[in-house]
Amino acid sequence: MSAIRADLRAALERDPAARGWFDVVLSYPGFHALVAYRLIHGLHRAGIPILPRLLANVARFFTQIEIHPGATIGKGVFIDHGSGVVIGETAEIGDGCTIYQGVTLGGTSLSHGKRHPTLGRNVVVGVNSSVLGAIALGDNVKVGGGSVVVKDVPANATVVGVPARIVAQDGKPIRIVPERPQVEMPDPTTDAIARLQRQLGQLEKRLTELEQGEAPEGEAWSWVI
């Protein structure tokens, strides 16, 4: 019950739209999904077969949030909006984390061991982001919306992009250096203009020679376009 009370407080503290605990209890699917998970997780830990997965699917039907019964979720977690959130079997979420809609904490391996990410305390995972594999995100990490995180992230870092890169550490921006040297690609329009300019210069030179009577008699014109 203490974990459920902490989840309720988290929703009240982190969502300015919340109009009190009664509002959260009645109308927040993220809170509903967490309450269902905490009850189902107890059945899973007791070794009861099949029933936890069945109940998890029922909870997903009503909340549009999929949490595997085997996941480990700390206290005071807030799933905001929640539609499309997927949390895998071996995922671990620390106390005080915030997860927005469309987030996937997924695996990249077919093994039966640890294959989902571990989130430290107070991690924020932005909308439609994916954190994939048996990686670790340190305390207070922030993941920008739409990012794909596939490597460990140190504490107090902010990551964005696909694949995600660290753009701030301990509140200070980090200059991103390209991993590959930039290559100048040819510009067909510029090349065509340069070619026409060369041809125009040749024509002007030939006309000058004709006006001065310097062109050899009977010389043929050859234009290359």
Protein backbone atom coordinates (compact mmCIF):
# COMPACT_ATOMS: atom_id res chain seq x y z
CA MET A 1 0.00 0.00 0.00
CA SER A 2 2.90 2.38 0.64
CA ALA A 3 3.98 2.08 -3.00
CA ILE A 4 0.44 2.84 -4.19
CA ARG A 5 0.26 5.90 -1.91
CA ALA A 6 3.62 7.08 -3.28
CA ASP A 7 2.37 6.64 -6.87
CA LEU A 8 -0.71 8.69 -6.00
CA ARG A 9 1.42 11.49 -4.53
CA ALA A 10 3.66 11.42 -7.61
CA ALA A 11 0.70 12.04 -9.92
CA LEU A 12 -0.53 14.91 -7.75
CA GLU A 13 2.92 16.52 -7.56
CA ARG A 14 3.98 16.16 -11.19
CA ASP A 15 0.78 16.80 -13.11
CA PRO A 16 -0.61 20.35 -12.80
CA ALA A 17 -3.85 19.11 -14.39
CA ALA A 18 -4.59 16.85 -11.39
CA ARG A 19 -7.55 18.13 -9.39
CA GLY A 20 -6.96 16.12 -6.27
CA TRP A 21 -6.49 12.50 -5.26
CA PHE A 22 -10.07 11.59 -6.20
CA ASP A 23 -9.43 12.79 -9.76
CA VAL A 24 -6.28 10.66 -10.01
CA VAL A 25 -7.92 7.55 -8.59
CA LEU A 26 -10.85 7.77 -11.00
CA SER A 27 -9.37 9.05 -14.24
CA TYR A 28 -5.62 8.38 -14.51
CA PRO A 29 -4.84 5.22 -16.55
CA GLY A 30 -1.18 5.42 -15.57
CA PHE A 31 -2.13 5.16 -11.91
CA HIS A 32 -4.59 2.37 -12.66
CA ALA A 33 -1.89 0.42 -14.52
CA LEU A 34 0.55 0.77 -11.63
CA VAL A 35 -2.03 -0.35 -9.04
CA ALA A 36 -2.86 -3.38 -11.18
CA TYR A 37 0.85 -4.14 -11.67
CA ARG A 38 1.58 -4.03 -7.94
CA LEU A 39 -1.17 -6.52 -7.21
CA ILE A 40 -0.28 -8.77 -10.15
CA HIS A 41 3.45 -8.60 -9.39
CA GLY A 42 2.73 -10.12 -5.99
CA LEU A 43 1.07 -13.09 -7.67
CA HIS A 44 4.02 -13.42 -10.04
CA ARG A 45 6.51 -13.47 -7.16
CA ALA A 46 4.39 -16.10 -5.41
CA GLY A 47 5.02 -18.37 -8.40
CA ILE A 48 1.41 -18.55 -9.53
CA PRO A 49 1.41 -19.58 -13.21
CA ILE A 50 -0.58 -18.07 -16.09
CA LEU A 51 -2.91 -15.94 -13.96
CA PRO A 52 -0.51 -12.96 -13.63
CA ARG A 53 -0.09 -12.74 -17.42
CA LEU A 54 -3.83 -13.06 -17.93
CA LEU A 55 -4.55 -10.26 -15.46
CA ALA A 56 -1.80 -8.11 -17.00
CA ASN A 57 -3.51 -8.44 -20.38
CA VAL A 58 -6.82 -7.41 -18.82
CA ALA A 59 -5.12 -4.33 -17.32
CA ARG A 60 -3.56 -3.53 -20.70
CA PHE A 61 -7.00 -3.72 -22.34
CA PHE A 62 -8.40 -1.09 -19.99
CA THR A 63 -5.36 1.20 -19.67
CA GLN A 64 -3.47 0.75 -23.00
CA ILE A 65 -0.36 0.29 -20.87
CA GLU A 66 1.52 -3.01 -20.95
CA ILE A 67 3.56 -3.92 -17.88
CA HIS A 68 4.94 -7.41 -17.61
CA PRO A 69 4.27 -8.95 -14.17
CA GLY A 70 7.97 -9.72 -13.81
CA ALA A 71 9.13 -6.11 -14.11
CA THR A 72 10.50 -4.37 -11.02
CA ILE A 73 9.07 -0.90 -10.36
CA GLY A 74 9.98 1.32 -7.43
CA LYS A 75 7.80 3.72 -5.47
CA GLY A 76 6.52 7.11 -6.57
CA VAL A 77 6.54 6.30 -10.29
CA PHE A 78 4.34 8.45 -12.55
CA ILE A 79 3.14 7.24 -15.95
CA ASP A 80 1.69 10.34 -17.59
CA HIS A 81 -1.13 9.74 -20.10
CA GLY A 82 0.39 6.31 -20.65
CA SER A 83 -1.12 5.16 -23.93
CA GLY A 84 1.29 2.83 -25.73
CA VAL A 85 3.74 2.38 -22.85
CA VAL A 86 5.45 -1.04 -22.84
CA ILE A 87 7.59 -2.26 -19.93
CA GLY A 88 9.35 -5.58 -20.41
CA GLU A 89 9.80 -8.53 -18.10
CA THR A 90 13.30 -7.79 -16.77
CA ALA A 91 12.97 -4.00 -16.78
CA GLU A 92 13.81 -2.24 -13.52
CA ILE A 93 12.49 1.23 -12.70
CA GLY A 94 13.80 3.19 -9.73
CA ASP A 95 11.88 5.36 -7.30
CA GLY A 96 10.50 8.64 -8.55
CA CYS A 97 10.73 7.97 -12.29
CA THR A 98 8.42 9.65 -14.80
CA ILE A 99 7.41 7.89 -18.01
CA TYR A 100 5.41 9.54 -20.77
CA GLN A 101 3.14 8.04 -23.42
CA GLY A 102 4.52 5.79 -26.14
CA VAL A 103 7.64 4.80 -24.17
CA THR A 104 9.13 1.34 -24.67
CA LEU A 105 11.48 -0.28 -22.18
CA GLY A 106 12.28 -3.21 -24.42
CA GLY A 107 14.73 -6.01 -24.99
CA THR A 108 17.13 -6.69 -27.84
CA SER A 109 17.93 -10.32 -27.02
CA LEU A 110 16.12 -13.64 -27.17
CA SER A 111 17.91 -14.93 -24.07
CA HIS A 112 15.99 -15.70 -20.89
CA GLY A 113 18.23 -13.60 -18.67
CA LYS A 114 18.44 -9.86 -18.12
CA ARG A 115 17.50 -8.24 -21.44
CA HIS A 116 15.62 -5.05 -20.53
CA PRO A 117 16.92 -1.71 -19.24
CA THR A 118 17.47 -0.56 -15.67
CA LEU A 119 16.43 2.98 -14.76
CA GLY A 120 17.88 4.68 -11.69
CA ARG A 121 16.02 7.06 -9.42
CA ASN A 122 14.14 10.11 -10.76
CA VAL A 123 14.69 9.26 -14.44
CA VAL A 124 12.44 11.03 -16.95
CA VAL A 125 11.73 9.25 -20.26
CA GLY A 126 10.13 11.52 -22.85
CA VAL A 127 7.22 10.79 -25.15
CA ASN A 128 7.65 8.04 -27.79
CA SER A 129 11.18 7.19 -26.63
CA SER A 130 12.66 3.70 -26.63
CA VAL A 131 15.22 2.40 -24.14
CA LEU A 132 16.41 -0.93 -25.45
CA GLY A 133 18.57 -3.75 -24.14
CA ALA A 134 20.17 -4.63 -20.82
CA ILE A 135 21.54 -1.13 -20.34
CA ALA A 136 21.56 1.17 -17.30
CA LEU A 137 20.41 4.77 -17.00
CA GLY A 138 21.82 6.51 -13.95
CA ASP A 139 19.92 8.62 -11.44
CA ASN A 140 18.29 11.83 -12.69
CA VAL A 141 18.81 11.01 -16.38
CA LYS A 142 16.49 12.77 -18.84
CA VAL A 143 15.65 11.16 -22.18
CA GLY A 144 14.34 13.53 -24.84
CA GLY A 145 11.15 12.74 -26.72
CA GLY A 146 11.49 10.39 -29.68
CA SER A 147 14.97 9.22 -28.67
CA VAL A 148 16.32 5.68 -28.97
CA VAL A 149 18.73 4.79 -26.16
CA VAL A 150 20.89 1.70 -26.73
CA LYS A 151 23.90 2.45 -24.50
CA ASP A 152 24.46 3.10 -20.81
CA VAL A 153 23.87 6.69 -19.70
CA PRO A 154 25.68 8.18 -16.68
CA ALA A 155 23.81 9.88 -13.85
CA ASN A 156 22.60 13.48 -14.28
CA ALA A 157 22.87 13.36 -18.08
CA THR A 158 20.41 14.45 -20.76
CA VAL A 159 20.27 12.41 -23.97
CA VAL A 160 18.45 13.00 -27.25
CA GLY A 161 18.43 11.63 -30.78
CA VAL A 162 18.51 8.37 -32.72
CA PRO A 163 20.67 6.81 -31.47
CA ALA A 164 20.62 8.95 -28.34
CA ARG A 165 23.67 11.06 -27.50
CA ILE A 166 24.53 13.00 -24.37
CA VAL A 167 23.81 16.70 -24.89
CA ALA A 168 24.11 17.83 -21.27
CA GLN A 169 25.88 16.59 -18.16
CA ASP A 170 25.23 17.92 -14.67
CA GLY A 171 23.17 20.70 -16.21
CA LYS A 172 25.94 21.87 -18.58
CA PRO A 173 25.57 21.57 -22.39
CA ILE A 174 28.01 19.30 -24.21
CA ARG A 175 29.23 20.10 -27.71
CA ILE A 176 28.45 17.21 -30.05
CA VAL A 177 31.37 16.27 -32.31
CA PRO A 178 30.39 14.35 -35.48
CA GLU A 179 31.58 10.75 -35.35
CA ARG A 180 32.36 10.80 -39.07
CA PRO A 181 34.04 13.57 -41.07
CA GLN A 182 31.62 15.59 -43.13
CA VAL A 183 31.92 14.99 -46.86
CA GLU A 184 30.97 17.66 -49.40
CA MET A 185 28.59 16.14 -51.90
CA PRO A 186 28.70 17.31 -55.54
CA ASP A 187 26.13 19.91 -56.56
CA PRO A 188 24.91 19.22 -60.15
CA THR A 189 23.44 22.72 -60.50
CA THR A 190 26.67 24.45 -59.47
CA ASP A 191 28.70 22.19 -61.79
CA ALA A 192 26.41 22.99 -64.73
CA ILE A 193 26.67 26.75 -64.13
CA ALA A 194 30.46 26.54 -63.90
CA ARG A 195 30.58 24.60 -67.20
CA LEU A 196 28.41 27.18 -68.94
CA GLN A 197 30.63 29.98 -67.65
CA ARG A 198 33.73 28.28 -69.09
CA GLN A 199 32.01 27.84 -72.46
CA LEU A 200 30.88 31.46 -72.44
CA GLY A 201 34.46 32.57 -71.80
CA GLN A 202 35.67 30.47 -74.75
CA LEU A 203 33.03 32.02 -77.02
CA GLU A 204 33.93 35.55 -75.98
CA LYS A 205 37.59 34.84 -76.67
CA ARG A 206 36.81 33.40 -80.13
CA LEU A 207 34.60 36.40 -81.03
CA THR A 208 37.40 38.75 -80.02
CA GLU A 209 39.83 36.86 -82.26
CA LEU A 210 37.41 37.06 -85.21
CA GLU A 211 36.89 40.79 -84.74
CA GLN A 212 40.65 41.32 -84.76
CA GLY A 213 41.11 39.00 -87.74
CA GLU A 214 43.37 36.72 -85.74
CA ALA A 215 41.45 33.49 -86.21
CA PRO A 216 43.11 31.16 -88.74
CA GLU A 217 41.24 31.01 -92.01
CA GLY A 218 38.80 28.08 -92.26
CA GLU A 219 39.15 27.08 -88.60
CA ALA A 220 36.12 25.10 -87.47
CA TRP A 221 34.23 25.98 -84.32
CA SER A 222 33.99 23.28 -81.75
CA TRP A 223 31.64 23.78 -78.88
CA VAL A 224 31.44 21.30 -76.12
CA ILE A 225 28.30 21.46 -74.05
